Amino acid sequence: MRCLWLSERLLIEEAKRRAEIYENLLSYLKTAYYVVKGLDKNAEIYIFGSVADKRNLISSDIDLLVVTDLPPEIVIAKLWENGITDPFEIHVVKSETLNLYKQRTKLEKVEFPVRT
């Protein structure tokens, strides 16, 4: 019985955590944008999948596409260090792969003002 109670508690906490992320999605996207731009000023960032289609649920992941020549592990590690973790699903590709994504899914470019 205790195990069931603990499982329910963990599920509730995870739902609350994800709800907080979705409620503050713009702030998380802004963080991701500035982190990536700090690594590569020419990088582009997009969201896609259920979030871009406006059909996401609280259980949905948040697909983030980063277009850069940097190695994926560098970009992902820096994003993780700055709190961009689960439920974000981070895809790092080179610019020549961007057209494949554009052909297959709706992409919404993430942009914020340039910091001076």
Protein backbone atom coordinates (compact mmCIF):
# COMPACT_ATOMS: atom_id res chain seq x y z
CA MET A 1 0.00 0.00 0.00
CA ARG A 2 2.86 2.37 0.86
CA CYS A 3 4.42 1.72 -2.56
CA LEU A 4 1.17 2.72 -4.29
CA TRP A 5 0.98 5.92 -2.23
CA LEU A 6 4.59 6.75 -3.10
CA SER A 7 3.95 6.14 -6.80
CA GLU A 8 0.92 8.43 -6.75
CA ARG A 9 2.90 11.09 -4.94
CA LEU A 10 5.71 10.92 -7.51
CA LEU A 11 3.22 11.18 -10.38
CA ILE A 12 1.59 14.22 -8.79
CA GLU A 13 4.96 15.91 -8.26
CA GLU A 14 5.97 15.22 -11.86
CA ALA A 15 2.66 16.62 -13.13
CA LYS A 16 3.20 19.78 -11.05
CA ARG A 17 6.75 20.16 -12.39
CA ARG A 18 5.60 19.81 -15.98
CA ALA A 19 2.69 22.19 -15.41
CA GLU A 20 5.15 24.80 -14.12
CA ILE A 21 7.29 24.38 -17.23
CA TYR A 22 4.30 24.74 -19.57
CA GLU A 23 3.01 27.76 -17.64
CA ASN A 24 6.44 29.39 -18.00
CA LEU A 25 7.31 28.03 -21.43
CA LEU A 26 8.21 31.44 -22.82
CA SER A 27 10.77 31.94 -20.06
CA TYR A 28 12.29 28.51 -20.70
CA LEU A 29 12.45 29.19 -24.43
CA LYS A 30 14.11 32.54 -23.76
CA THR A 31 16.73 30.81 -21.61
CA ALA A 32 17.35 28.21 -24.32
CA TYR A 33 17.60 30.92 -26.96
CA TYR A 34 20.20 32.99 -25.11
CA VAL A 35 22.21 29.93 -24.06
CA VAL A 36 22.41 28.71 -27.67
CA LYS A 37 23.14 32.18 -29.04
CA GLY A 38 25.90 32.49 -26.44
CA LEU A 39 27.50 29.39 -27.92
CA ASP A 40 26.87 30.26 -31.59
CA LYS A 41 25.50 33.66 -32.59
CA ASN A 42 24.45 32.20 -35.96
CA ALA A 43 22.45 29.31 -34.51
CA GLU A 44 18.72 29.04 -35.12
CA ILE A 45 16.21 27.58 -32.69
CA TYR A 46 12.78 26.15 -33.46
CA ILE A 47 10.02 24.34 -31.61
CA PHE A 48 8.09 21.61 -33.37
CA GLY A 49 5.80 18.72 -32.65
CA SER A 50 2.72 18.94 -30.45
CA VAL A 51 3.74 22.26 -28.88
CA ALA A 52 4.12 23.95 -32.26
CA ASP A 53 0.84 22.37 -33.37
CA LYS A 54 -0.89 23.57 -30.16
CA ARG A 55 -2.06 20.04 -29.36
CA ASN A 56 0.26 19.21 -26.48
CA LEU A 57 -0.76 17.62 -23.21
CA ILE A 58 0.97 17.94 -19.87
CA SER A 59 2.59 14.58 -20.64
CA SER A 60 3.95 15.81 -24.00
CA ASP A 61 7.60 16.51 -24.57
CA ILE A 62 8.74 19.86 -25.92
CA ASP A 63 10.68 19.34 -29.13
CA LEU A 64 13.45 21.89 -29.52
CA LEU A 65 15.49 22.00 -32.73
CA VAL A 66 18.87 23.74 -32.63
CA VAL A 67 20.55 24.40 -35.98
CA THR A 68 24.29 24.89 -35.52
CA ASP A 69 27.66 23.53 -36.58
CA LEU A 70 28.59 22.89 -32.95
CA PRO A 71 28.74 19.31 -31.69
CA PRO A 72 25.38 18.23 -30.20
CA GLU A 73 26.94 17.20 -26.89
CA ILE A 74 28.23 20.74 -26.27
CA VAL A 75 24.86 22.34 -27.00
CA ILE A 76 22.87 19.80 -25.00
CA ALA A 77 25.23 19.93 -22.01
CA LYS A 78 25.03 23.73 -21.87
CA LEU A 79 21.24 23.66 -22.11
CA TRP A 80 21.04 21.06 -19.34
CA GLU A 81 23.32 23.19 -17.15
CA ASN A 82 20.80 26.00 -17.58
CA GLY A 83 17.70 24.00 -16.69
CA ILE A 84 16.55 22.97 -20.16
CA THR A 85 16.02 19.29 -19.37
CA ASP A 86 13.05 16.93 -19.43
CA PRO A 87 10.41 17.45 -20.84
CA PHE A 88 12.53 19.20 -23.48
CA GLU A 89 13.63 16.88 -26.27
CA ILE A 90 16.64 18.60 -27.81
CA HIS A 91 17.57 17.94 -31.44
CA VAL A 92 20.84 19.44 -32.68
CA VAL A 93 21.41 19.45 -36.43
CA LYS A 94 23.52 21.17 -39.06
CA SER A 95 21.89 23.68 -41.42
CA GLU A 96 21.75 21.22 -44.31
CA THR A 97 19.38 19.03 -42.27
CA LEU A 98 16.95 21.87 -41.54
CA ASN A 99 15.08 21.39 -44.83
CA LEU A 100 14.26 17.78 -43.89
CA TYR A 101 12.54 19.03 -40.74
CA LYS A 102 10.76 21.76 -42.71
CA GLN A 103 9.41 19.14 -45.13
CA ARG A 104 8.16 16.84 -42.40
CA THR A 105 6.79 19.05 -39.65
CA LYS A 106 5.66 22.51 -38.69
CA LEU A 107 8.53 24.56 -37.28
CA GLU A 108 8.13 27.73 -35.24
CA LYS A 109 11.27 29.83 -35.01
CA VAL A 110 12.22 30.98 -31.52
CA GLU A 111 13.51 34.54 -31.49
CA PHE A 112 14.08 37.18 -28.83
CA PRO A 113 15.71 40.63 -28.93
CA VAL A 114 19.48 40.71 -29.22
CA ARG A 115 21.11 41.44 -25.88
CA THR A 116 23.61 44.27 -25.87
